[in-house]
Amino acid sequence: MGAPLPAAERGDVDRITAAGRAVPEGAAFTAEFEHGTRLAADGAVLRACAALDWPPEYASSGTRACRTPQGAA
């Protein structure tokens, strides 16, 4: 959060971001991307868990990572 990307990752991030902005829903992608850059770590983890359809109790703020629900891949 807020740390610069390693140079080795910048190309991939730029390529994926450009592809997301190029689709018809690109404006929505851009808005969500910009919102995501302003999220605190816990908020980002909760959104990631929600995107995976995991209940919020699987978000572990102590480790800032989603705990995998039993049986999930």
Protein backbone atom coordinates (compact mmCIF):
# COMPACT_ATOMS: atom_id res chain seq x y z
CA MET A 1 0.00 0.00 0.00
CA GLY A 2 1.63 3.14 -1.21
CA ALA A 3 4.96 1.43 -1.88
CA PRO A 4 6.38 1.66 -5.39
CA LEU A 5 6.24 -1.48 -7.49
CA PRO A 6 9.46 -3.29 -8.25
CA ALA A 7 10.61 -2.49 -11.77
CA ALA A 8 10.13 -6.14 -12.78
CA GLU A 9 6.39 -5.89 -12.03
CA ARG A 10 5.69 -2.45 -13.53
CA GLY A 11 5.30 -3.74 -17.11
CA ASP A 12 2.76 -6.38 -16.11
CA VAL A 13 0.75 -3.94 -14.01
CA ASP A 14 0.75 -1.33 -16.77
CA ARG A 15 -0.29 -3.91 -19.40
CA ILE A 16 -3.13 -5.33 -17.28
CA THR A 17 -4.34 -1.86 -16.27
CA ALA A 18 -4.38 -0.70 -19.91
CA ALA A 19 -6.33 -3.81 -20.94
CA GLY A 20 -8.89 -3.18 -18.20
CA ARG A 21 -9.36 0.41 -19.28
CA ALA A 22 -9.70 -0.56 -22.96
CA VAL A 23 -12.85 -2.69 -22.59
CA PRO A 24 -16.31 -1.12 -22.94
CA GLU A 25 -16.57 -1.03 -19.15
CA GLY A 26 -13.22 0.76 -18.98
CA ALA A 27 -14.65 3.81 -17.21
CA ALA A 28 -15.99 1.58 -14.42
CA PHE A 29 -12.62 -0.19 -14.22
CA THR A 30 -10.82 3.14 -13.94
CA ALA A 31 -13.16 4.33 -11.20
CA GLU A 32 -12.74 1.10 -9.21
CA PHE A 33 -8.97 1.12 -9.77
CA GLU A 34 -8.69 4.68 -8.47
CA HIS A 35 -10.92 3.81 -5.49
CA GLY A 36 -8.73 0.79 -4.76
CA THR A 37 -5.59 2.89 -4.65
CA ARG A 38 -7.12 4.87 -1.79
CA LEU A 39 -8.24 1.86 0.29
CA ALA A 40 -6.56 1.00 3.56
CA ALA A 41 -5.12 -2.53 3.69
CA ASP A 42 -8.04 -3.92 5.71
CA GLY A 43 -10.55 -2.46 3.26
CA ALA A 44 -8.68 -3.97 0.33
CA VAL A 45 -8.67 -7.39 2.01
CA LEU A 46 -12.40 -7.21 2.71
CA ARG A 47 -13.10 -6.30 -0.93
CA ALA A 48 -10.89 -9.15 -2.15
CA CYS A 49 -12.72 -11.62 0.07
CA ALA A 50 -16.06 -10.27 -1.19
CA ALA A 51 -14.92 -10.66 -4.79
CA LEU A 52 -14.17 -14.30 -4.03
CA ASP A 53 -17.64 -14.68 -2.43
CA TRP A 54 -15.99 -15.40 0.91
CA PRO A 55 -17.79 -14.21 4.05
CA PRO A 56 -16.18 -11.22 5.80
CA GLU A 57 -15.18 -13.35 8.80
CA TYR A 58 -12.53 -14.94 6.56
CA ALA A 59 -10.69 -11.62 6.41
CA SER A 60 -7.94 -11.75 8.98
CA SER A 61 -6.79 -8.20 9.68
CA GLY A 62 -3.85 -9.45 11.71
CA THR A 63 -2.19 -10.88 8.62
CA ARG A 64 -3.96 -8.66 6.06
CA ALA A 65 -4.81 -11.71 4.02
CA CYS A 66 -7.91 -13.75 3.38
CA ARG A 67 -7.97 -17.07 5.14
CA THR A 68 -9.05 -19.72 2.67
CA PRO A 69 -12.42 -21.20 3.64
CA GLN A 70 -12.19 -24.92 4.18
CA GLY A 71 -12.76 -26.69 0.89
CA ALA A 72 -12.08 -23.60 -1.26
CA ALA A 73 -9.34 -23.63 -3.85
